[in-house]
Protein backbone atom coordinates (compact mmCIF):
# COMPACT_ATOMS: atom_id res chain seq x y z
CA MET A 1 -6.63 58.45 -24.72
CA LYS A 2 -9.77 56.35 -24.70
CA LYS A 3 -8.31 54.06 -27.35
CA THR A 4 -5.17 53.49 -25.20
CA ILE A 5 -7.28 52.47 -22.18
CA ILE A 6 -9.33 50.01 -24.26
CA ILE A 7 -6.18 48.45 -25.75
CA SER A 8 -4.58 48.20 -22.28
CA LEU A 9 -7.65 46.54 -20.74
CA THR A 10 -7.97 44.14 -23.65
CA THR A 11 -4.29 43.21 -23.34
CA ILE A 12 -4.62 42.61 -19.58
CA ILE A 13 -7.72 40.44 -20.05
CA LEU A 14 -5.96 38.47 -22.78
CA ILE A 15 -2.85 37.88 -20.64
CA LEU A 16 -4.96 36.78 -17.64
CA SER A 17 -7.00 34.42 -19.83
CA ILE A 18 -3.89 32.80 -21.26
CA ALA A 19 -2.33 32.50 -17.79
CA PHE A 20 -5.51 30.87 -16.46
CA PHE A 21 -5.42 28.13 -19.08
CA LEU A 22 -1.65 27.54 -19.02
CA ILE A 23 -1.06 27.51 -15.27
CA LYS A 24 -2.96 24.60 -13.71
CA PRO A 25 -2.67 23.84 -9.99
CA GLN A 26 -1.36 20.42 -9.04
CA ILE A 27 -3.89 18.46 -7.01
CA THR A 28 -2.41 15.73 -4.82
CA GLY A 29 -4.05 12.93 -2.90
CA TYR A 30 -3.59 14.95 0.26
CA SER A 31 -5.77 17.82 -0.98
CA ILE A 32 -8.73 15.78 -2.13
CA ARG A 33 -9.11 12.26 -0.77
CA PRO A 34 -11.75 10.07 -2.34
CA PRO A 35 -13.94 8.30 0.23
CA GLU A 36 -13.14 4.97 -1.43
CA TYR A 37 -9.73 3.80 -2.59
CA SER A 38 -7.74 0.59 -2.96
CA TYR A 39 -4.10 -0.36 -3.16
CA THR A 40 -1.82 -3.38 -2.75
CA ARG A 41 0.51 -4.06 0.12
CA ALA A 42 2.84 -6.84 1.19
CA MET A 43 1.86 -8.25 4.58
CA CYS A 44 4.33 -10.43 6.49
CA ASP A 45 3.83 -12.99 9.24
CA GLU A 46 6.11 -13.73 12.22
CA SER A 47 8.33 -16.03 10.11
CA ASN A 48 8.94 -13.21 7.55
CA TYR A 49 6.80 -14.87 4.89
CA CYS A 50 5.22 -11.99 2.95
CA GLN A 51 2.26 -12.05 0.57
CA ASP A 52 0.58 -9.32 -1.45
CA TYR A 53 -2.94 -8.24 -0.55
CA GLU A 54 -5.39 -5.89 -2.19
CA ILE A 55 -6.75 -3.49 0.43
CA ASN A 56 -10.04 -1.65 -0.13
CA CYS A 57 -10.91 1.25 2.18
CA TYR A 58 -13.99 3.44 2.49
CA ASN A 59 -14.00 6.56 4.69
CA GLY A 60 -10.87 5.38 6.48
CA ARG A 61 -12.27 1.92 7.28
CA LEU A 62 -11.25 -1.44 5.89
CA VAL A 63 -13.88 -2.80 3.51
CA ARG A 64 -12.07 -5.77 1.99
CA LEU A 65 -8.75 -7.54 2.31
CA LYS A 66 -8.09 -9.88 -0.62
CA LEU A 67 -5.05 -12.15 -1.06
CA ILE A 68 -3.39 -11.73 -4.45
CA THR A 69 -2.22 -15.19 -5.43
CA GLY A 70 1.25 -15.82 -6.78
CA ALA A 71 2.92 -12.84 -5.12
CA SER A 72 4.93 -13.95 -2.10
CA VAL A 73 8.47 -13.95 -0.71
CA GLN A 74 10.27 -15.64 2.20
CA HIS A 75 12.78 -13.31 3.86
CA PRO A 76 15.66 -14.55 6.07
CA SER A 77 14.96 -14.93 9.78
CA ASP A 78 17.01 -11.83 10.68
CA TRP A 79 15.15 -9.58 8.20
CA LYS A 80 13.38 -6.53 9.62
CA ASP A 81 10.58 -4.76 7.80
CA PRO A 82 11.92 -1.29 6.83
CA ARG A 83 8.48 0.34 6.88
CA GLU A 84 7.36 2.43 9.81
CA LYS A 85 5.17 0.68 12.38
CA ILE A 86 2.12 2.82 11.60
CA ASP A 87 2.47 1.99 7.89
CA ILE A 88 2.48 -1.71 8.70
CA GLU A 89 -0.43 -1.72 11.16
CA ASP A 90 -2.79 1.00 9.91
CA LEU A 91 -4.33 -0.33 6.69
CA CYS A 92 -6.76 2.55 6.04
CA LYS A 93 -4.97 5.68 7.10
CA THR A 94 -6.47 9.13 7.15
CA ARG A 95 -4.52 9.78 3.97
CA PRO A 96 -4.30 7.43 1.01
CA PRO A 97 -0.97 5.78 0.32
CA ILE A 98 1.37 7.40 -2.16
CA LEU A 99 1.31 5.37 -5.31
């Protein structure tokens, strides 16, 4: 009887240990947001001329906005930016952009 209990407990501990190492939770940017992050974004003017910028944020505030040379496009005059207004205007959101 005592031997059966010891074997059962050992088996349970072994199964839990294996499960702990094999099943890892997925951490997304929404769970843990670093205080500092950077990304690139196309920014367009009123004539639909768009250039790429590197955007650096710290604690939700803009730290640096740097033009990336050589990355630009001129859209037709009737082109409308498909992004949502908040995504265009808010450079350092409360959540980091999905990369």
